[in-house]
């Protein structure tokens, strides 16, 4: 595959793909064709897809580089890779929980404005997401905002 094909497939730019190679994120540099252009393999594309997911889930580039280094070192690093991914997983779960909490606040504010504007807010009972856990003054910083009217 050409760099353009991999870029289209992964959603990354050619510049980002070159950066991944330059900074040691690739398992090995992609081979060059007779014209000197990079020729990515299916394995390269799958690895780049994994890197994209790790980055999207918040893994820092330095950690991704460390992970790539462990993979290059082979089977003796399985335990270290597993531990690294378990730690990253815990970070992702914490971010998801924070986002759920943030969404609860947004939902509460939507419900509050619907009530103040006299709207029936059917969505409050049908929208997906965490259950509404009640009104809490700390959500607003001003208890007066909680009173109807």
N, C-alpha and C. Protein backbone atom coordinates (compact mmCIF):
# COMPACT_ATOMS: atom_id res chain seq x y z
N UNK A 1 0.84 -1.18 0.00
CA UNK A 1 0.00 0.00 0.00
C UNK A 1 0.89 1.24 0.00
N UNK A 2 0.41 2.26 -0.65
CA UNK A 2 1.14 3.52 -0.65
C UNK A 2 0.81 4.30 0.61
N UNK A 3 1.56 5.34 0.87
CA UNK A 3 1.30 6.18 2.04
C UNK A 3 -0.08 6.83 1.92
N UNK A 4 -0.49 7.19 0.71
CA UNK A 4 -1.81 7.78 0.51
C UNK A 4 -2.92 6.78 0.83
N UNK A 5 -2.72 5.53 0.44
CA UNK A 5 -3.73 4.50 0.72
C UNK A 5 -3.84 4.24 2.22
N UNK A 6 -2.71 4.18 2.90
CA UNK A 6 -2.73 3.96 4.35
C UNK A 6 -3.35 5.17 5.04
N UNK A 7 -3.02 6.36 4.57
CA UNK A 7 -3.60 7.57 5.15
C UNK A 7 -5.12 7.55 5.01
N UNK A 8 -5.60 7.19 3.83
CA UNK A 8 -7.05 7.13 3.62
C UNK A 8 -7.68 6.06 4.50
N UNK A 9 -7.05 4.92 4.60
CA UNK A 9 -7.59 3.81 5.39
C UNK A 9 -7.63 4.12 6.88
N UNK A 10 -6.62 4.82 7.39
CA UNK A 10 -6.52 5.06 8.84
C UNK A 10 -7.07 6.40 9.28
N UNK A 11 -7.25 7.31 8.32
CA UNK A 11 -7.70 8.65 8.69
C UNK A 11 -6.58 9.57 9.14
N UNK A 12 -5.35 9.09 9.06
CA UNK A 12 -4.19 9.90 9.42
C UNK A 12 -3.66 10.60 8.18
N UNK A 13 -2.89 11.63 8.37
CA UNK A 13 -2.26 12.29 7.24
C UNK A 13 -0.95 11.60 6.91
N UNK A 14 -0.46 11.83 5.70
CA UNK A 14 0.84 11.30 5.33
C UNK A 14 1.92 11.86 6.25
N UNK A 15 1.76 13.11 6.65
CA UNK A 15 2.72 13.73 7.57
C UNK A 15 2.75 12.96 8.89
N UNK A 16 1.59 12.60 9.43
CA UNK A 16 1.52 11.85 10.69
C UNK A 16 2.15 10.47 10.52
N UNK A 17 1.92 9.82 9.40
CA UNK A 17 2.51 8.51 9.16
C UNK A 17 4.04 8.60 9.13
N UNK A 18 4.56 9.64 8.49
CA UNK A 18 6.01 9.83 8.47
C UNK A 18 6.53 10.13 9.87
N UNK A 19 5.76 10.91 10.64
CA UNK A 19 6.14 11.21 12.03
C UNK A 19 6.20 9.92 12.85
N UNK A 20 5.19 9.07 12.70
CA UNK A 20 5.19 7.79 13.43
C UNK A 20 6.45 7.00 13.11
N UNK A 21 6.85 6.99 11.87
CA UNK A 21 8.06 6.27 11.48
C UNK A 21 9.30 6.93 12.07
N UNK A 22 9.38 8.23 11.95
CA UNK A 22 10.56 8.99 12.40
C UNK A 22 10.78 8.88 13.91
N UNK A 23 9.69 8.80 14.67
CA UNK A 23 9.80 8.81 16.13
C UNK A 23 9.82 7.42 16.76
N UNK A 24 9.89 6.38 15.94
CA UNK A 24 10.04 5.04 16.48
C UNK A 24 8.75 4.35 16.88
N UNK A 25 7.63 4.81 16.34
CA UNK A 25 6.36 4.16 16.67
C UNK A 25 6.06 2.94 15.80
N UNK A 26 6.68 2.90 14.64
CA UNK A 26 6.46 1.76 13.75
C UNK A 26 7.32 0.59 14.24
N UNK A 27 6.84 -0.61 14.02
CA UNK A 27 7.61 -1.79 14.43
C UNK A 27 8.91 -1.88 13.63
N UNK A 28 8.82 -1.52 12.38
CA UNK A 28 10.00 -1.43 11.51
C UNK A 28 9.66 -0.45 10.40
N UNK A 29 10.65 0.22 9.87
CA UNK A 29 10.35 1.16 8.79
C UNK A 29 9.74 0.41 7.60
N UNK A 30 8.72 1.00 6.98
CA UNK A 30 8.14 0.32 5.82
C UNK A 30 9.18 0.22 4.70
N UNK A 31 9.18 -0.89 3.99
CA UNK A 31 10.14 -1.02 2.89
C UNK A 31 9.85 0.00 1.79
N UNK A 32 10.84 0.25 0.97
CA UNK A 32 10.70 1.21 -0.13
C UNK A 32 10.57 0.44 -1.44
N UNK A 33 9.72 0.97 -2.31
CA UNK A 33 9.60 0.40 -3.65
C UNK A 33 10.77 0.86 -4.51
N UNK A 34 10.78 0.39 -5.75
CA UNK A 34 11.84 0.75 -6.69
C UNK A 34 11.94 2.24 -6.93
N UNK A 35 10.83 2.95 -6.73
CA UNK A 35 10.81 4.41 -6.91
C UNK A 35 11.19 5.16 -5.63
N UNK A 36 11.50 4.41 -4.56
CA UNK A 36 11.90 5.04 -3.30
C UNK A 36 10.73 5.38 -2.38
N UNK A 37 9.51 5.14 -2.84
CA UNK A 37 8.34 5.44 -2.01
C UNK A 37 8.07 4.32 -1.01
N UNK A 38 7.53 4.68 0.12
CA UNK A 38 7.20 3.69 1.15
C UNK A 38 6.12 2.74 0.61
N UNK A 39 6.27 1.47 0.96
CA UNK A 39 5.28 0.45 0.62
C UNK A 39 4.85 -0.23 1.92
N UNK A 40 3.68 0.12 2.40
CA UNK A 40 3.18 -0.42 3.67
C UNK A 40 2.55 -1.79 3.44
N UNK A 41 2.73 -2.66 4.43
CA UNK A 41 2.12 -3.99 4.38
C UNK A 41 0.81 -3.96 5.15
N UNK A 42 0.07 -5.02 5.03
CA UNK A 42 -1.17 -5.16 5.81
C UNK A 42 -0.85 -5.11 7.30
N UNK A 43 0.24 -5.75 7.68
CA UNK A 43 0.68 -5.73 9.10
C UNK A 43 0.95 -4.29 9.55
N UNK A 44 1.59 -3.49 8.70
CA UNK A 44 1.84 -2.08 9.03
C UNK A 44 0.52 -1.34 9.25
N UNK A 45 -0.42 -1.57 8.35
CA UNK A 45 -1.72 -0.88 8.43
C UNK A 45 -2.46 -1.27 9.71
N UNK A 46 -2.40 -2.54 10.08
CA UNK A 46 -3.05 -2.98 11.32
C UNK A 46 -2.36 -2.37 12.53
N UNK A 47 -1.04 -2.29 12.51
CA UNK A 47 -0.29 -1.68 13.61
C UNK A 47 -0.66 -0.20 13.74
N UNK A 48 -0.73 0.49 12.61
CA UNK A 48 -1.09 1.91 12.62
C UNK A 48 -2.51 2.09 13.16
N UNK A 49 -3.41 1.19 12.81
CA UNK A 49 -4.78 1.25 13.34
C UNK A 49 -4.76 1.11 14.86
N UNK A 50 -3.93 0.21 15.39
CA UNK A 50 -3.80 0.06 16.84
C UNK A 50 -3.24 1.34 17.46
N UNK A 51 -2.18 1.88 16.85
CA UNK A 51 -1.61 3.13 17.37
C UNK A 51 -2.67 4.24 17.40
N UNK A 52 -3.49 4.29 16.37
CA UNK A 52 -4.54 5.31 16.30
C UNK A 52 -5.51 5.16 17.46
N UNK A 53 -5.88 3.93 17.77
CA UNK A 53 -6.80 3.68 18.90
C UNK A 53 -6.14 4.01 20.24
N UNK A 54 -4.89 3.65 20.39
CA UNK A 54 -4.18 3.97 21.63
C UNK A 54 -4.11 5.48 21.83
N UNK A 55 -3.80 6.19 20.76
CA UNK A 55 -3.71 7.65 20.85
C UNK A 55 -5.07 8.27 21.12
N UNK A 56 -6.08 7.79 20.41
CA UNK A 56 -7.44 8.33 20.59
C UNK A 56 -7.95 8.09 22.01
N UNK A 57 -7.49 7.03 22.64
CA UNK A 57 -7.93 6.73 24.01
C UNK A 57 -7.05 7.41 25.05
N UNK A 58 -6.14 8.26 24.59
CA UNK A 58 -5.39 9.09 25.52
C UNK A 58 -3.98 8.64 25.86
N UNK A 59 -3.49 7.61 25.21
CA UNK A 59 -2.13 7.17 25.52
C UNK A 59 -1.14 8.20 24.98
N UNK A 60 -0.22 8.66 25.81
CA UNK A 60 0.78 9.61 25.33
C UNK A 60 1.72 8.97 24.30
N UNK A 61 2.26 9.80 23.42
CA UNK A 61 3.19 9.32 22.39
C UNK A 61 4.36 8.57 23.03
N UNK A 62 4.89 9.08 24.13
CA UNK A 62 6.03 8.41 24.79
C UNK A 62 5.66 7.00 25.21
N UNK A 63 4.46 6.81 25.73
CA UNK A 63 4.01 5.48 26.14
C UNK A 63 3.81 4.58 24.92
N UNK A 64 3.29 5.16 23.84
CA UNK A 64 3.13 4.39 22.60
C UNK A 64 4.50 3.94 22.08
N UNK A 65 5.47 4.81 22.18
CA UNK A 65 6.84 4.47 21.75
C UNK A 65 7.39 3.34 22.61
N UNK A 66 7.16 3.42 23.91
CA UNK A 66 7.63 2.37 24.84
C UNK A 66 6.93 1.04 24.50
N UNK A 67 5.63 1.10 24.20
CA UNK A 67 4.90 -0.11 23.83
C UNK A 67 5.46 -0.71 22.54
N UNK A 68 5.72 0.14 21.54
CA UNK A 68 6.30 -0.34 20.27
C UNK A 68 7.66 -1.00 20.52
N UNK A 69 8.44 -0.41 21.40
CA UNK A 69 9.74 -0.98 21.73
C UNK A 69 9.59 -2.37 22.35
N UNK A 70 8.63 -2.51 23.24
CA UNK A 70 8.38 -3.81 23.86
C UNK A 70 7.97 -4.83 22.81
N UNK A 71 7.10 -4.44 21.90
CA UNK A 71 6.67 -5.36 20.84
C UNK A 71 7.87 -5.78 19.99
N UNK A 72 8.72 -4.85 19.65
CA UNK A 72 9.92 -5.17 18.85
C UNK A 72 10.83 -6.15 19.58
N UNK A 73 10.86 -6.08 20.90
CA UNK A 73 11.75 -6.96 21.67
C UNK A 73 11.23 -8.39 21.75
N UNK A 74 9.98 -8.62 21.42
CA UNK A 74 9.46 -9.98 21.29
C UNK A 74 8.71 -10.54 22.48
N UNK A 75 8.63 -11.86 22.46
CA UNK A 75 7.79 -12.60 23.41
C UNK A 75 8.15 -12.39 24.88
N UNK A 76 9.39 -12.13 25.14
CA UNK A 76 9.82 -11.95 26.53
C UNK A 76 9.16 -10.73 27.18
N UNK A 77 8.48 -9.93 26.41
CA UNK A 77 7.88 -8.70 26.95
C UNK A 77 6.36 -8.80 27.10
N UNK A 78 5.80 -9.98 26.93
CA UNK A 78 4.35 -10.13 27.02
C UNK A 78 3.80 -9.59 28.35
N UNK A 79 4.45 -9.94 29.44
CA UNK A 79 3.97 -9.50 30.76
C UNK A 79 4.04 -7.98 30.87
N UNK A 80 5.13 -7.40 30.43
CA UNK A 80 5.28 -5.94 30.49
C UNK A 80 4.23 -5.25 29.61
N UNK A 81 3.97 -5.81 28.44
CA UNK A 81 2.95 -5.23 27.55
C UNK A 81 1.57 -5.32 28.18
N UNK A 82 1.28 -6.47 28.77
CA UNK A 82 -0.01 -6.66 29.42
C UNK A 82 -0.18 -5.65 30.55
N UNK A 83 0.84 -5.49 31.37
CA UNK A 83 0.77 -4.54 32.49
C UNK A 83 0.60 -3.11 31.98
N UNK A 84 1.30 -2.79 30.92
CA UNK A 84 1.18 -1.45 30.35
C UNK A 84 -0.24 -1.19 29.84
N UNK A 85 -0.80 -2.16 29.14
CA UNK A 85 -2.16 -2.00 28.62
C UNK A 85 -3.20 -2.01 29.75
N UNK A 86 -2.96 -2.77 30.79
CA UNK A 86 -3.87 -2.75 31.93
C UNK A 86 -3.88 -1.38 32.60
N UNK A 87 -2.71 -0.77 32.72
CA UNK A 87 -2.64 0.58 33.30
C UNK A 87 -3.36 1.58 32.40
N UNK A 88 -3.17 1.45 31.10
CA UNK A 88 -3.85 2.35 30.17
C UNK A 88 -5.36 2.14 30.24
N UNK A 89 -5.76 0.88 30.35
CA UNK A 89 -7.20 0.57 30.46
C UNK A 89 -7.80 1.25 31.68
N UNK A 90 -7.09 1.21 32.80
CA UNK A 90 -7.58 1.87 34.02
C UNK A 90 -7.73 3.37 33.80
N UNK A 91 -6.78 3.97 33.08
CA UNK A 91 -6.88 5.40 32.76
C UNK A 91 -8.10 5.68 31.89
N UNK A 92 -8.34 4.82 30.90
CA UNK A 92 -9.48 5.00 30.00
C UNK A 92 -10.79 4.89 30.79
N UNK A 93 -10.87 3.91 31.67
CA UNK A 93 -12.08 3.74 32.49
C UNK A 93 -12.31 4.96 33.36
N UNK A 94 -11.26 5.50 33.94
CA UNK A 94 -11.40 6.71 34.76
C UNK A 94 -11.90 7.88 33.92
N UNK A 95 -11.41 8.01 32.69
CA UNK A 95 -11.88 9.08 31.81
C UNK A 95 -13.35 8.89 31.45
N UNK A 96 -13.75 7.65 31.19
CA UNK A 96 -15.15 7.36 30.88
C UNK A 96 -16.03 7.74 32.06
N UNK A 97 -15.62 7.39 33.26
CA UNK A 97 -16.40 7.73 34.45
C UNK A 97 -16.50 9.24 34.61
N UNK A 98 -15.42 9.95 34.36
CA UNK A 98 -15.46 11.42 34.44
C UNK A 98 -16.41 11.98 33.39
N UNK A 99 -16.38 11.42 32.19
CA UNK A 99 -17.29 11.87 31.14
C UNK A 99 -18.75 11.59 31.51
N UNK A 100 -19.00 10.46 32.14
CA UNK A 100 -20.37 10.15 32.59
C UNK A 100 -20.83 11.19 33.61
N UNK A 101 -19.95 11.52 34.52
CA UNK A 101 -20.27 12.54 35.52
C UNK A 101 -20.51 13.89 34.85
N UNK A 102 -19.68 14.25 33.89
CA UNK A 102 -19.86 15.50 33.15
C UNK A 102 -21.19 15.49 32.41
N UNK A 103 -21.54 14.35 31.80
CA UNK A 103 -22.80 14.24 31.08
C UNK A 103 -23.99 14.40 32.03
N UNK A 104 -23.86 13.88 33.23
CA UNK A 104 -24.93 14.02 34.21
C UNK A 104 -25.20 15.50 34.50
N UNK A 105 -24.15 16.26 34.60
CA UNK A 105 -24.31 17.70 34.85
C UNK A 105 -24.98 18.37 33.67
N UNK A 106 -24.55 18.04 32.47
CA UNK A 106 -25.17 18.61 31.26
C UNK A 106 -26.65 18.23 31.21
N UNK A 107 -26.96 16.96 31.46
CA UNK A 107 -28.36 16.52 31.47
C UNK A 107 -29.18 17.27 32.50
N UNK A 108 -28.61 17.46 33.66
CA UNK A 108 -29.32 18.17 34.71
C UNK A 108 -29.63 19.61 34.28
N UNK A 109 -28.64 20.26 33.67
CA UNK A 109 -28.86 21.64 33.22
C UNK A 109 -29.93 21.69 32.14
N UNK A 110 -29.95 20.73 31.23
CA UNK A 110 -31.00 20.66 30.21
C UNK A 110 -32.36 20.53 30.88
N UNK A 111 -32.46 19.63 31.86
CA UNK A 111 -33.72 19.44 32.59
C UNK A 111 -34.14 20.72 33.31
N UNK A 112 -33.18 21.40 33.91
CA UNK A 112 -33.45 22.64 34.63
C UNK A 112 -34.01 23.70 33.70
N UNK A 113 -33.36 23.88 32.54
CA UNK A 113 -33.83 24.90 31.59
C UNK A 113 -35.17 24.51 30.97
N UNK A 114 -35.40 23.24 30.76
CA UNK A 114 -36.70 22.79 30.25
C UNK A 114 -37.79 23.12 31.26
N UNK A 115 -37.53 22.87 32.54
CA UNK A 115 -38.52 23.16 33.58
C UNK A 115 -38.75 24.67 33.69
N UNK A 116 -37.70 25.46 33.64
CA UNK A 116 -37.84 26.91 33.76
C UNK A 116 -38.56 27.52 32.56
N UNK A 117 -38.43 26.91 31.39
CA UNK A 117 -39.09 27.45 30.21
C UNK A 117 -40.49 26.88 30.02
N UNK A 118 -40.91 26.01 30.92
CA UNK A 118 -42.25 25.44 30.85
C UNK A 118 -42.38 24.30 29.87
N UNK A 119 -41.29 23.84 29.33
CA UNK A 119 -41.33 22.72 28.38
C UNK A 119 -41.52 21.40 29.12
N UNK A 120 -42.21 20.51 28.45
CA UNK A 120 -42.21 19.14 28.92
C UNK A 120 -40.95 18.52 28.36
N UNK A 121 -40.11 18.00 29.20
CA UNK A 121 -38.84 17.45 28.73
C UNK A 121 -38.90 15.93 28.76
N UNK A 122 -39.51 15.38 27.71
CA UNK A 122 -39.62 13.93 27.61
C UNK A 122 -38.23 13.29 27.49
N UNK A 123 -37.31 14.01 26.89
CA UNK A 123 -35.97 13.45 26.69
C UNK A 123 -35.29 13.11 28.00
N UNK A 124 -35.65 13.81 29.07
CA UNK A 124 -35.01 13.55 30.36
C UNK A 124 -35.21 12.11 30.78
N UNK A 125 -36.31 11.51 30.33
CA UNK A 125 -36.59 10.14 30.74
C UNK A 125 -36.21 9.12 29.67
N UNK A 126 -35.89 9.59 28.47
CA UNK A 126 -35.62 8.65 27.39
C UNK A 126 -34.19 8.71 26.87
N UNK A 127 -33.45 9.77 27.19
CA UNK A 127 -32.11 9.86 26.61
C UNK A 127 -31.19 8.82 27.23
N UNK A 128 -30.29 8.29 26.40
CA UNK A 128 -29.35 7.30 26.93
C UNK A 128 -28.34 7.98 27.84
N UNK A 129 -27.71 7.20 28.64
CA UNK A 129 -26.67 7.75 29.51
C UNK A 129 -26.93 7.35 30.94
N UNK A 130 -26.21 7.98 31.84
CA UNK A 130 -26.33 7.60 33.25
C UNK A 130 -27.68 8.04 33.81
N UNK A 131 -28.17 7.37 34.83
CA UNK A 131 -29.44 7.78 35.43
C UNK A 131 -29.30 9.14 36.09
N UNK A 132 -30.39 9.87 36.12
CA UNK A 132 -30.39 11.18 36.77
C UNK A 132 -30.32 10.95 38.28
N UNK A 133 -29.33 11.52 38.93
CA UNK A 133 -29.11 11.24 40.35
C UNK A 133 -29.60 12.35 41.26
N UNK A 134 -30.45 13.21 40.74
CA UNK A 134 -31.02 14.26 41.59
C UNK A 134 -30.26 15.55 41.51
N UNK A 135 -30.85 16.57 42.12
CA UNK A 135 -30.30 17.91 42.09
C UNK A 135 -29.26 18.06 43.19
N UNK A 136 -28.12 18.60 42.84
CA UNK A 136 -27.06 18.86 43.82
C UNK A 136 -26.60 20.30 43.65
N UNK A 137 -26.57 21.08 44.74
CA UNK A 137 -26.17 22.47 44.62
C UNK A 137 -24.78 22.65 44.00
N UNK A 138 -23.86 21.76 44.25
CA UNK A 138 -22.51 21.93 43.73
C UNK A 138 -22.47 21.89 42.22
N UNK A 139 -23.56 21.41 41.59
CA UNK A 139 -23.59 21.40 40.13
C UNK A 139 -23.67 22.82 39.58
N UNK A 140 -24.14 23.74 40.39
CA UNK A 140 -24.41 25.08 39.90
C UNK A 140 -23.57 26.15 40.56
N UNK A 141 -23.13 25.91 41.77
CA UNK A 141 -22.39 26.93 42.50
C UNK A 141 -23.30 27.97 43.13
N UNK A 142 -24.60 27.83 42.96
CA UNK A 142 -25.56 28.80 43.49
C UNK A 142 -26.87 28.06 43.75
N UNK A 143 -27.21 27.86 45.03
CA UNK A 143 -28.41 27.10 45.36
C UNK A 143 -29.67 27.74 44.83
N UNK A 144 -29.66 29.06 44.64
CA UNK A 144 -30.87 29.72 44.12
C UNK A 144 -31.28 29.18 42.76
N UNK A 145 -30.31 28.68 42.01
CA UNK A 145 -30.62 28.15 40.68
C UNK A 145 -31.45 26.89 40.75
N UNK A 146 -31.49 26.28 41.93
CA UNK A 146 -32.18 25.00 42.07
C UNK A 146 -33.67 25.16 42.35
N UNK A 147 -34.06 26.32 42.84
CA UNK A 147 -35.45 26.53 43.18
C UNK A 147 -36.28 26.76 41.93
N UNK A 148 -37.48 26.14 41.88
CA UNK A 148 -38.33 26.39 40.72
C UNK A 148 -38.80 27.85 40.70
N UNK A 149 -39.11 28.30 39.51
CA UNK A 149 -39.72 29.64 39.40
C UNK A 149 -38.83 30.70 38.93
